Amino acid sequence: MPKNFVSNSEESVRMFKSNFLEAFSRVSWYVPLIIYVPVVLFFSYKAFAAGDSIPVFAGFLLLGIFVWSLTEYLLHRFVFHFVPKSKWGLRMHFIFHGVHHDYPNDTKRLVLPASVSVPLAFLFYFIFSFILTQEHLYAFFPGFVIGYLFYDISHYALHHFNFKGNFWKKLKKHHMLHHYSDASKGYGVSSPFWDKIFSSDFIKKTNEQ
């Protein structure tokens, strides 16, 4: 995605003339926690009520987190960074992701608004319900949601926090390179794992001896 303009302002740029639509385009970083932590607890309870043992529950929970990490990468690379040629398509691209690259520090547009995340959650649950048995789905889906929450909250943190830990410093550098160096690489936000697998990672510069 070409980088034509980047603002370092933390304020939100208006995207819609309608106050109603504009309100649904902004969200505070903690809102996903309010919505989805109860979802994680509910389905975890349902998994044990359906008869999942602790090892089975833990296995499918971890599988859900792993599948989210791949989903995150694929959505970011092939959906959010798909740039159509039509005027209408470009407008939709700006609304869904282009605005974030133009205003990467906008505090109200760093986590997915519920108007987007809730329909997606229903869609993914519907898809997974055809693949997994009910008791396994109840363990898998909380893991998938936990992966999403880690992505959303860490995305906010990467843009606004300064880290001392080596893990977070590397993760922040990876994401900042995506924003300020080359937006055609570094699609993994919560992990650079899939960038390494699919050769979209940044080439590390080594000092010649």
Protein backbone atom coordinates (compact mmCIF):
# COMPACT_ATOMS: atom_id res chain seq x y z
CA MET A 1 0.00 0.00 0.00
CA PRO A 2 1.58 3.30 -1.02
CA LYS A 3 2.32 5.61 1.86
CA ASN A 4 1.17 9.04 0.75
CA PHE A 5 0.44 10.65 4.10
CA VAL A 6 1.18 9.80 7.72
CA SER A 7 0.00 11.83 10.70
CA ASN A 8 1.42 11.30 14.18
CA SER A 9 -1.59 12.90 15.83
CA GLU A 10 -3.40 10.82 18.47
CA GLU A 11 -6.70 12.48 17.59
CA SER A 12 -9.33 10.86 15.39
CA VAL A 13 -9.96 12.07 11.87
CA ARG A 14 -13.61 12.20 10.88
CA MET A 15 -14.59 9.57 8.30
CA PHE A 16 -18.38 9.98 8.00
CA LYS A 17 -20.70 12.95 7.70
CA SER A 18 -23.28 11.03 9.70
CA ASN A 19 -22.74 11.30 13.47
CA PHE A 20 -24.37 7.88 13.86
CA LEU A 21 -21.91 6.14 11.52
CA GLU A 22 -18.99 8.11 12.91
CA ALA A 23 -19.76 6.90 16.43
CA PHE A 24 -19.54 3.27 15.28
CA SER A 25 -16.13 3.84 13.69
CA ARG A 26 -14.39 4.74 16.96
CA VAL A 27 -13.72 2.58 19.98
CA SER A 28 -11.63 2.69 23.16
CA TRP A 29 -8.95 0.03 23.61
CA TYR A 30 -10.71 -1.68 26.55
CA VAL A 31 -14.05 -2.26 24.80
CA PRO A 32 -13.02 -5.63 23.25
CA LEU A 33 -12.17 -6.87 26.75
CA ILE A 34 -15.64 -5.93 28.02
CA ILE A 35 -17.29 -7.71 25.10
CA TYR A 36 -15.16 -10.81 24.70
CA VAL A 37 -13.84 -11.82 28.14
CA PRO A 38 -17.40 -12.96 29.05
CA VAL A 39 -17.47 -14.89 25.74
CA VAL A 40 -14.25 -16.70 26.69
CA LEU A 41 -15.61 -17.55 30.15
CA PHE A 42 -18.99 -18.67 28.79
CA PHE A 43 -17.62 -21.05 26.19
CA SER A 44 -14.97 -22.37 28.57
CA TYR A 45 -17.76 -23.25 30.98
CA LYS A 46 -19.73 -24.87 28.14
CA ALA A 47 -16.68 -26.96 27.17
CA PHE A 48 -16.32 -28.46 30.64
CA ALA A 49 -20.09 -28.88 30.96
CA ALA A 50 -20.02 -30.82 27.68
CA GLY A 51 -17.45 -33.21 29.15
CA ASP A 52 -14.06 -31.91 27.98
CA SER A 53 -11.17 -32.98 30.16
CA ILE A 54 -8.53 -30.43 31.13
CA PRO A 55 -5.93 -31.79 28.61
CA VAL A 56 -8.48 -31.84 25.78
CA PHE A 57 -9.70 -28.35 26.66
CA ALA A 58 -6.12 -27.02 26.83
CA GLY A 59 -5.24 -28.64 23.50
CA PHE A 60 -8.17 -27.15 21.60
CA LEU A 61 -7.72 -23.81 23.37
CA LEU A 62 -4.12 -23.65 22.13
CA LEU A 63 -5.26 -24.76 18.67
CA GLY A 64 -7.74 -21.86 18.64
CA ILE A 65 -4.98 -19.39 19.50
CA PHE A 66 -2.78 -20.85 16.76
CA VAL A 67 -5.56 -20.68 14.16
CA TRP A 68 -6.27 -17.07 15.13
CA SER A 69 -2.61 -16.16 14.50
CA LEU A 70 -2.91 -17.48 10.94
CA THR A 71 -6.31 -15.79 10.49
CA GLU A 72 -4.85 -12.50 11.69
CA TYR A 73 -2.02 -12.74 9.16
CA LEU A 74 -4.27 -13.69 6.23
CA LEU A 75 -6.86 -10.99 6.99
CA HIS A 76 -4.20 -8.30 7.35
CA ARG A 77 -2.31 -9.29 4.24
CA PHE A 78 -5.04 -10.23 1.78
CA VAL A 79 -8.12 -8.35 3.00
CA PHE A 80 -6.94 -5.20 4.81
CA HIS A 81 -4.16 -4.58 2.31
CA PHE A 82 -6.17 -5.36 -0.79
CA VAL A 83 -6.40 -2.06 -2.66
CA PRO A 84 -9.21 -1.96 -5.27
CA LYS A 85 -9.13 0.40 -8.22
CA SER A 86 -12.70 1.69 -8.10
CA LYS A 87 -13.51 4.89 -6.25
CA TRP A 88 -16.04 3.03 -4.08
CA GLY A 89 -13.50 0.28 -3.38
CA LEU A 90 -10.81 2.78 -2.40
CA ARG A 91 -13.27 4.43 -0.02
CA MET A 92 -14.00 1.06 1.64
CA HIS A 93 -10.29 0.32 1.87
CA PHE A 94 -9.67 3.62 3.61
CA ILE A 95 -12.49 2.97 6.10
CA PHE A 96 -11.30 -0.54 6.99
CA HIS A 97 -7.53 -0.07 7.06
CA GLY A 98 -6.20 2.84 5.04
CA VAL A 99 -7.15 5.29 7.78
CA HIS A 100 -4.96 3.37 10.21
CA HIS A 101 -1.92 3.76 7.96
CA ASP A 102 -2.60 7.46 7.45
CA TYR A 103 -3.27 8.03 11.17
CA PRO A 104 -1.42 5.18 12.93
CA ASN A 105 -1.57 6.78 16.39
CA ASP A 106 -5.30 7.54 16.35
CA THR A 107 -6.25 6.28 19.84
CA LYS A 108 -9.84 5.51 18.82
CA ARG A 109 -9.07 3.37 15.77
CA LEU A 110 -6.47 0.89 17.01
CA VAL A 111 -8.85 -1.90 18.00
CA LEU A 112 -11.68 -3.27 15.88
CA PRO A 113 -15.04 -1.60 16.60
CA ALA A 114 -17.79 -3.96 17.73
CA SER A 115 -19.67 -3.16 14.51
CA VAL A 116 -16.94 -5.14 12.71
CA SER A 117 -15.66 -7.64 15.27
CA VAL A 118 -19.04 -9.00 16.43
CA PRO A 119 -20.30 -9.97 12.93
CA LEU A 120 -16.88 -11.51 12.23
CA ALA A 121 -17.06 -13.48 15.48
CA PHE A 122 -20.44 -14.91 14.49
CA LEU A 123 -19.13 -15.71 11.01
CA PHE A 124 -16.07 -17.57 12.29
CA TYR A 125 -18.13 -19.43 14.91
CA PHE A 126 -20.52 -20.51 12.16
CA ILE A 127 -17.62 -21.76 10.01
CA PHE A 128 -15.93 -23.61 12.86
CA SER A 129 -19.22 -25.24 13.87
CA PHE A 130 -19.11 -27.22 10.60
CA ILE A 131 -15.56 -28.41 11.26
CA LEU A 132 -15.51 -29.27 14.97
CA THR A 133 -17.74 -31.28 17.27
CA GLN A 134 -19.72 -29.17 19.70
CA GLU A 135 -17.64 -29.97 22.79
CA HIS A 136 -14.40 -29.30 20.91
CA LEU A 137 -15.80 -26.11 19.43
CA TYR A 138 -16.57 -24.87 22.94
CA ALA A 139 -12.87 -25.25 23.81
CA PHE A 140 -11.50 -24.06 20.47
CA PHE A 141 -13.52 -20.86 20.17
CA PRO A 142 -12.32 -19.31 23.47
CA GLY A 143 -8.75 -19.83 22.25
CA PHE A 144 -9.58 -18.15 18.96
CA VAL A 145 -11.10 -15.21 20.86
CA ILE A 146 -8.13 -15.01 23.25
CA GLY A 147 -5.85 -14.80 20.20
CA TYR A 148 -7.99 -11.98 18.83
CA LEU A 149 -7.93 -10.12 22.15
CA PHE A 150 -4.15 -10.41 22.37
CA TYR A 151 -3.90 -9.05 18.82
CA ASP A 152 -6.24 -6.12 19.47
CA ILE A 153 -4.81 -5.04 22.83
CA SER A 154 -1.18 -5.58 21.81
CA HIS A 155 -1.82 -3.55 18.64
CA TYR A 156 -2.91 -0.62 20.77
CA ALA A 157 0.07 -1.09 23.08
CA LEU A 158 2.58 -1.27 20.23
CA HIS A 159 1.49 2.16 19.06
CA HIS A 160 1.35 3.85 22.45
CA PHE A 161 3.63 2.12 24.96
CA ASN A 162 7.39 2.09 25.34
CA PHE A 163 8.65 -1.33 26.30
CA LYS A 164 11.71 -2.58 28.18
CA GLY A 165 11.22 -6.30 27.58
CA ASN A 166 13.06 -7.77 24.61
CA PHE A 167 9.98 -9.61 23.26
CA TRP A 168 7.83 -6.47 23.15
CA LYS A 169 10.62 -4.29 21.81
CA LYS A 170 11.14 -6.69 18.87
CA LEU A 171 7.41 -6.93 18.25
CA LYS A 172 7.06 -3.15 18.26
CA LYS A 173 9.98 -2.74 15.87
CA HIS A 174 8.41 -5.32 13.54
CA HIS A 175 5.10 -3.44 13.46
CA MET A 176 6.65 0.01 13.16
CA LEU A 177 8.66 -1.17 10.15
CA HIS A 178 5.35 -2.22 8.59
CA HIS A 179 4.00 1.30 9.11
CA TYR A 180 7.01 3.47 8.43
CA SER A 181 9.30 1.42 6.21
CA ASP A 182 7.48 -1.10 4.00
CA ALA A 183 3.73 -1.81 4.29
CA SER A 184 4.09 -4.80 1.93
CA LYS A 185 5.87 -6.73 4.69
CA GLY A 186 5.36 -7.43 8.38
CA TYR A 187 1.66 -8.37 8.35
CA GLY A 188 1.82 -10.21 11.65
CA VAL A 189 0.90 -7.87 14.51
CA SER A 190 0.80 -10.15 17.54
CA SER A 191 3.59 -12.35 16.16
CA PRO A 192 6.06 -12.29 13.24
CA PHE A 193 5.78 -16.11 12.94
CA TRP A 194 3.71 -16.26 9.75
CA ASP A 195 5.78 -13.51 8.13
CA LYS A 196 8.76 -15.84 8.46
CA ILE A 197 6.76 -18.79 7.09
CA PHE A 198 5.39 -16.87 4.08
CA SER A 199 8.54 -14.82 3.38
CA SER A 200 7.01 -11.44 4.20
CA ASP A 201 9.36 -10.68 7.08
CA PHE A 202 11.84 -7.82 7.05
CA ILE A 203 15.39 -8.68 6.06
CA LYS A 204 17.65 -8.20 9.03
CA LYS A 205 20.72 -6.08 8.37
CA THR A 206 23.93 -7.56 9.64
CA ASN A 207 27.13 -5.64 10.21
CA GLU A 208 29.95 -6.87 8.08
CA GLN A 209 32.99 -7.90 10.09
